[in-house]
Amino acid sequence: MLNNRESNPINLAPIRGMLGEFTQLFDQIGNEREKQLVDALIRKVTVTKDKKIAKLDLEIN
C-alpha cells in the first residue's frame, strides 16, 4: 500500500517517464480504445455531493 509509512521512498523518475510515454500513446489511439483503456484502469470513482472526484481507485497489477 502506498501510504505505508514503513516502506522505502519511491523513485519518481521512472514513473514520470512511463507516464510521459503513456500520454503520447494515449493521444494516438481512437476514442473507443481510450474508453476501453480507462475502463480497464479505473476500479472505482468516489464523488462528493457536489459532484467532484473525491477518490479514484486504480486497477494496477
PDB file of N, CA and C in Angstrom:
ATOM      1  N   MET A   1       0.850  -1.178   0.000  1.00  0.00           N
ATOM      2  CA  MET A   1       0.000   0.000   0.000  1.00  0.00           C
ATOM      3  C   MET A   1       0.893   1.238   0.000  1.00  0.00           C
ATOM      4  N   LEU A   2       0.548   2.235  -0.770  1.00  0.00           N
ATOM      5  CA  LEU A   2       1.388   3.420  -0.913  1.00  0.00           C
ATOM      6  C   LEU A   2       1.478   4.268   0.344  1.00  0.00           C
ATOM      7  N   ASN A   3       0.456   4.253   1.192  1.00  0.00           N
ATOM      8  CA  ASN A   3       0.503   5.102   2.370  1.00  0.00           C
ATOM      9  C   ASN A   3       1.145   4.409   3.566  1.00  0.00           C
ATOM     10  N   ASN A   4       1.797   3.284   3.365  1.00  0.00           N
ATOM     11  CA  ASN A   4       2.516   2.588   4.413  1.00  0.00           C
ATOM     12  C   ASN A   4       3.771   3.375   4.759  1.00  0.00           C
ATOM     13  N   ARG A   5       3.848   3.890   5.937  1.00  0.00           N
ATOM     14  CA  ARG A   5       4.949   4.769   6.342  1.00  0.00           C
ATOM     15  C   ARG A   5       6.266   4.023   6.551  1.00  0.00           C
ATOM     16  N   GLU A   6       6.239   2.705   6.589  1.00  0.00           N
ATOM     17  CA  GLU A   6       7.446   1.917   6.795  1.00  0.00           C
ATOM     18  C   GLU A   6       8.116   1.521   5.493  1.00  0.00           C
ATOM     19  N   SER A   7       7.536   1.844   4.360  1.00  0.00           N
ATOM     20  CA  SER A   7       8.112   1.456   3.078  1.00  0.00           C
ATOM     21  C   SER A   7       9.197   2.443   2.654  1.00  0.00           C
ATOM     22  N   ASN A   8      10.018   2.010   1.718  1.00  0.00           N
ATOM     23  CA  ASN A   8      11.068   2.869   1.184  1.00  0.00           C
ATOM     24  C   ASN A   8      10.477   3.888   0.223  1.00  0.00           C
ATOM     25  N   PRO A   9      11.119   5.059   0.093  1.00  0.00           N
ATOM     26  CA  PRO A   9      10.625   6.058  -0.868  1.00  0.00           C
ATOM     27  C   PRO A   9      10.660   5.510  -2.295  1.00  0.00           C
ATOM     28  N   ILE A  10       9.737   5.971  -3.098  1.00  0.00           N
ATOM     29  CA  ILE A  10       9.630   5.534  -4.491  1.00  0.00           C
ATOM     30  C   ILE A  10      10.385   6.511  -5.374  1.00  0.00           C
ATOM     31  N   ASN A  11      11.214   5.985  -6.281  1.00  0.00           N
ATOM     32  CA  ASN A  11      11.908   6.824  -7.245  1.00  0.00           C
ATOM     33  C   ASN A  11      10.905   7.241  -8.321  1.00  0.00           C
ATOM     34  N   LEU A  12      10.592   8.523  -8.382  1.00  0.00           N
ATOM     35  CA  LEU A  12       9.553   9.004  -9.282  1.00  0.00           C
ATOM     36  C   LEU A  12      10.012   9.176 -10.729  1.00  0.00           C
ATOM     37  N   ALA A  13      11.297   9.231 -10.986  1.00  0.00           N
ATOM     38  CA  ALA A  13      11.794   9.457 -12.348  1.00  0.00           C
ATOM     39  C   ALA A  13      11.298   8.401 -13.338  1.00  0.00           C
ATOM     40  N   PRO A  14      11.416   7.105 -13.033  1.00  0.00           N
ATOM     41  CA  PRO A  14      10.924   6.112 -13.992  1.00  0.00           C
ATOM     42  C   PRO A  14       9.403   6.185 -14.183  1.00  0.00           C
ATOM     43  N   ILE A  15       8.684   6.503 -13.123  1.00  0.00           N
ATOM     44  CA  ILE A  15       7.230   6.617 -13.225  1.00  0.00           C
ATOM     45  C   ILE A  15       6.859   7.783 -14.128  1.00  0.00           C
ATOM     46  N   ARG A  16       7.534   8.907 -13.972  1.00  0.00           N
ATOM     47  CA  ARG A  16       7.280  10.061 -14.837  1.00  0.00           C
ATOM     48  C   ARG A  16       7.573   9.723 -16.294  1.00  0.00           C
ATOM     49  N   GLY A  17       8.645   8.990 -16.531  1.00  0.00           N
ATOM     50  CA  GLY A  17       8.988   8.591 -17.898  1.00  0.00           C
ATOM     51  C   GLY A  17       7.918   7.707 -18.509  1.00  0.00           C
ATOM     52  N   MET A  18       7.447   6.722 -17.737  1.00  0.00           N
ATOM     53  CA  MET A  18       6.401   5.830 -18.244  1.00  0.00           C
ATOM     54  C   MET A  18       5.102   6.585 -18.491  1.00  0.00           C
ATOM     55  N   LEU A  19       4.754   7.499 -17.602  1.00  0.00           N
ATOM     56  CA  LEU A  19       3.524   8.271 -17.796  1.00  0.00           C
ATOM     57  C   LEU A  19       3.625   9.186 -19.009  1.00  0.00           C
ATOM     58  N   GLY A  20       4.811   9.718 -19.263  1.00  0.00           N
ATOM     59  CA  GLY A  20       5.013  10.544 -20.461  1.00  0.00           C
ATOM     60  C   GLY A  20       4.807   9.730 -21.720  1.00  0.00           C
ATOM     61  N   GLU A  21       5.348   8.510 -21.732  1.00  0.00           N
ATOM     62  CA  GLU A  21       5.157   7.623 -22.884  1.00  0.00           C
ATOM     63  C   GLU A  21       3.696   7.224 -23.009  1.00  0.00           C
ATOM     64  N   PHE A  22       3.051   6.958 -21.891  1.00  0.00           N
ATOM     65  CA  PHE A  22       1.643   6.587 -21.896  1.00  0.00           C
ATOM     66  C   PHE A  22       0.809   7.720 -22.490  1.00  0.00           C
ATOM     67  N   THR A  23       1.089   8.950 -22.095  1.00  0.00           N
ATOM     68  CA  THR A  23       0.340  10.104 -22.602  1.00  0.00           C
ATOM     69  C   THR A  23       0.486  10.220 -24.108  1.00  0.00           C
ATOM     70  N   GLN A  24       1.692  10.041 -24.618  1.00  0.00           N
ATOM     71  CA  GLN A  24       1.912  10.118 -26.063  1.00  0.00           C
ATOM     72  C   GLN A  24       1.118   9.033 -26.792  1.00  0.00           C
ATOM     73  N   LEU A  25       1.136   7.811 -26.278  1.00  0.00           N
ATOM     74  CA  LEU A  25       0.406   6.711 -26.905  1.00  0.00           C
ATOM     75  C   LEU A  25      -1.101   6.917 -26.785  1.00  0.00           C
ATOM     76  N   PHE A  26      -1.536   7.390 -25.626  1.00  0.00           N
ATOM     77  CA  PHE A  26      -2.961   7.615 -25.397  1.00  0.00           C
ATOM     78  C   PHE A  26      -3.522   8.634 -26.385  1.00  0.00           C
ATOM     79  N   ASP A  27      -2.733   9.652 -26.688  1.00  0.00           N
ATOM     80  CA  ASP A  27      -3.164  10.685 -27.629  1.00  0.00           C
ATOM     81  C   ASP A  27      -3.282  10.151 -29.057  1.00  0.00           C
ATOM     82  N   GLN A  28      -2.643   9.026 -29.354  1.00  0.00           N
ATOM     83  CA  GLN A  28      -2.637   8.492 -30.712  1.00  0.00           C
ATOM     84  C   GLN A  28      -3.733   7.455 -30.978  1.00  0.00           C
ATOM     85  N   ILE A  29      -4.366   6.944 -29.927  1.00  0.00           N
ATOM     86  CA  ILE A  29      -5.391   5.915 -30.136  1.00  0.00           C
ATOM     87  C   ILE A  29      -6.764   6.573 -30.299  1.00  0.00           C
ATOM     88  N   GLY A  30      -7.693   5.855 -30.852  1.00  0.00           N
ATOM     89  CA  GLY A  30      -9.030   6.384 -31.086  1.00  0.00           C
ATOM     90  C   GLY A  30      -9.863   6.473 -29.811  1.00  0.00           C
ATOM     91  N   ASN A  31     -10.988   7.152 -29.921  1.00  0.00           N
ATOM     92  CA  ASN A  31     -11.866   7.374 -28.771  1.00  0.00           C
ATOM     93  C   ASN A  31     -12.349   6.076 -28.131  1.00  0.00           C
ATOM     94  N   GLU A  32     -12.706   5.092 -28.945  1.00  0.00           N
ATOM     95  CA  GLU A  32     -13.203   3.822 -28.401  1.00  0.00           C
ATOM     96  C   GLU A  32     -12.119   3.098 -27.616  1.00  0.00           C
ATOM     97  N   ARG A  33     -10.903   3.099 -28.139  1.00  0.00           N
ATOM     98  CA  ARG A  33      -9.775   2.460 -27.424  1.00  0.00           C
ATOM     99  C   ARG A  33      -9.437   3.223 -26.150  1.00  0.00           C
ATOM    100  N   GLU A  34      -9.535   4.553 -26.177  1.00  0.00           N
ATOM    101  CA  GLU A  34      -9.314   5.356 -24.967  1.00  0.00           C
ATOM    102  C   GLU A  34     -10.308   4.952 -23.887  1.00  0.00           C
ATOM    103  N   LYS A  35     -11.575   4.832 -24.260  1.00  0.00           N
ATOM    104  CA  LYS A  35     -12.616   4.461 -23.310  1.00  0.00           C
ATOM    105  C   LYS A  35     -12.344   3.073 -22.730  1.00  0.00           C
ATOM    106  N   GLN A  36     -11.963   2.125 -23.573  1.00  0.00           N
ATOM    107  CA  GLN A  36     -11.665   0.766 -23.107  1.00  0.00           C
ATOM    108  C   GLN A  36     -10.503   0.765 -22.124  1.00  0.00           C
ATOM    109  N   LEU A  37      -9.482   1.537 -22.431  1.00  0.00           N
ATOM    110  CA  LEU A  37      -8.311   1.597 -21.557  1.00  0.00           C
ATOM    111  C   LEU A  37      -8.653   2.221 -20.209  1.00  0.00           C
ATOM    112  N   VAL A  38      -9.383   3.326 -20.224  1.00  0.00           N
ATOM    113  CA  VAL A  38      -9.778   3.985 -18.976  1.00  0.00           C
ATOM    114  C   VAL A  38     -10.664   3.053 -18.149  1.00  0.00           C
ATOM    115  N   ASP A  39     -11.606   2.379 -18.802  1.00  0.00           N
ATOM    116  CA  ASP A  39     -12.472   1.429 -18.091  1.00  0.00           C
ATOM    117  C   ASP A  39     -11.658   0.302 -17.450  1.00  0.00           C
ATOM    118  N   ALA A  40     -10.596  -0.128 -18.105  1.00  0.00           N
ATOM    119  CA  ALA A  40      -9.755  -1.201 -17.570  1.00  0.00           C
ATOM    120  C   ALA A  40      -8.889  -0.721 -16.398  1.00  0.00           C
ATOM    121  N   LEU A  41      -8.516   0.539 -16.385  1.00  0.00           N
ATOM    122  CA  LEU A  41      -7.621   1.065 -15.358  1.00  0.00           C
ATOM    123  C   LEU A  41      -8.336   1.530 -14.094  1.00  0.00           C
ATOM    124  N   ILE A  42      -9.558   2.016 -14.225  1.00  0.00           N
ATOM    125  CA  ILE A  42     -10.259   2.588 -13.072  1.00  0.00           C
ATOM    126  C   ILE A  42     -11.175   1.543 -12.456  1.00  0.00           C
ATOM    127  N   ARG A  43     -10.936   1.255 -11.188  1.00  0.00           N
ATOM    128  CA  ARG A  43     -11.759   0.282 -10.464  1.00  0.00           C
ATOM    129  C   ARG A  43     -12.983   0.963  -9.853  1.00  0.00           C
ATOM    130  N   LYS A  44     -12.787   2.156  -9.249  1.00  0.00           N
ATOM    131  CA  LYS A  44     -13.879   2.815  -8.552  1.00  0.00           C
ATOM    132  C   LYS A  44     -13.621   4.315  -8.498  1.00  0.00           C
ATOM    133  N   VAL A  45     -14.683   5.101  -8.688  1.00  0.00           N
ATOM    134  CA  VAL A  45     -14.620   6.553  -8.568  1.00  0.00           C
ATOM    135  C   VAL A  45     -15.580   6.961  -7.453  1.00  0.00           C
ATOM    136  N   THR A  46     -15.068   7.694  -6.473  1.00  0.00           N
ATOM    137  CA  THR A  46     -15.898   8.207  -5.387  1.00  0.00           C
ATOM    138  C   THR A  46     -16.064   9.699  -5.597  1.00  0.00           C
ATOM    139  N   VAL A  47     -17.318  10.166  -5.618  1.00  0.00           N
ATOM    140  CA  VAL A  47     -17.595  11.582  -5.838  1.00  0.00           C
ATOM    141  C   VAL A  47     -18.246  12.188  -4.598  1.00  0.00           C
ATOM    142  N   THR A  48     -18.052  13.497  -4.432  1.00  0.00           N
ATOM    143  CA  THR A  48     -18.664  14.219  -3.319  1.00  0.00           C
ATOM    144  C   THR A  48     -20.094  14.597  -3.696  1.00  0.00           C
ATOM    145  N   LYS A  49     -20.814  15.164  -2.742  1.00  0.00           N
ATOM    146  CA  LYS A  49     -22.192  15.578  -3.001  1.00  0.00           C
ATOM    147  C   LYS A  49     -22.276  16.634  -4.091  1.00  0.00           C
ATOM    148  N   ASP A  50     -21.227  17.455  -4.211  1.00  0.00           N
ATOM    149  CA  ASP A  50     -21.228  18.494  -5.256  1.00  0.00           C
ATOM    150  C   ASP A  50     -20.561  18.018  -6.552  1.00  0.00           C
ATOM    151  N   LYS A  51     -20.516  16.678  -6.729  1.00  0.00           N
ATOM    152  CA  LYS A  51     -20.083  16.046  -7.983  1.00  0.00           C
ATOM    153  C   LYS A  51     -18.604  16.245  -8.327  1.00  0.00           C
ATOM    154  N   LYS A  52     -17.754  16.402  -7.314  1.00  0.00           N
ATOM    155  CA  LYS A  52     -16.310  16.478  -7.538  1.00  0.00           C
ATOM    156  C   LYS A  52     -15.703  15.125  -7.182  1.00  0.00           C
ATOM    157  N   ILE A  53     -14.636  14.758  -7.877  1.00  0.00           N
ATOM    158  CA  ILE A  53     -13.974  13.483  -7.613  1.00  0.00           C
ATOM    159  C   ILE A  53     -13.254  13.570  -6.270  1.00  0.00           C
ATOM    160  N   ALA A  54     -13.630  12.701  -5.359  1.00  0.00           N
ATOM    161  CA  ALA A  54     -13.009  12.655  -4.037  1.00  0.00           C
ATOM    162  C   ALA A  54     -11.893  11.601  -3.994  1.00  0.00           C
ATOM    163  N   LYS A  55     -12.118  10.494  -4.695  1.00  0.00           N
ATOM    164  CA  LYS A  55     -11.161   9.389  -4.643  1.00  0.00           C
ATOM    165  C   LYS A  55     -11.253   8.603  -5.945  1.00  0.00           C
ATOM    166  N   LEU A  56     -10.112   8.150  -6.412  1.00  0.00           N
ATOM    167  CA  LEU A  56     -10.043   7.360  -7.637  1.00  0.00           C
ATOM    168  C   LEU A  56      -9.223   6.106  -7.332  1.00  0.00           C
ATOM    169  N   ASP A  57      -9.856   4.950  -7.376  1.00  0.00           N
ATOM    170  CA  ASP A  57      -9.162   3.677  -7.143  1.00  0.00           C
ATOM    171  C   ASP A  57      -8.785   3.086  -8.490  1.00  0.00           C
ATOM    172  N   LEU A  58      -7.490   2.816  -8.667  1.00  0.00           N
ATOM    173  CA  LEU A  58      -6.993   2.280  -9.932  1.00  0.00           C
ATOM    174  C   LEU A  58      -6.762   0.793  -9.838  1.00  0.00           C
ATOM    175  N   GLU A  59      -6.890   0.109 -10.957  1.00  0.00           N
ATOM    176  CA  GLU A  59      -6.655  -1.319 -11.060  1.00  0.00           C
ATOM    177  C   GLU A  59      -5.295  -1.499 -11.716  1.00  0.00           C
ATOM    178  N   ILE A  60      -4.253  -1.611 -10.893  1.00  0.00           N
ATOM    179  CA  ILE A  60      -2.895  -1.739 -11.406  1.00  0.00           C
ATOM    180  C   ILE A  60      -2.270  -2.995 -10.815  1.00  0.00           C
ATOM    181  N   ASN A  61      -1.863  -3.906 -11.673  1.00  0.00           N
ATOM    182  CA  ASN A  61      -1.239  -5.156 -11.224  1.00  0.00           C
ATOM    183  C   ASN A  61       0.170  -5.232 -11.732  1.00  0.00           C
TER     184      ASN A  61
END
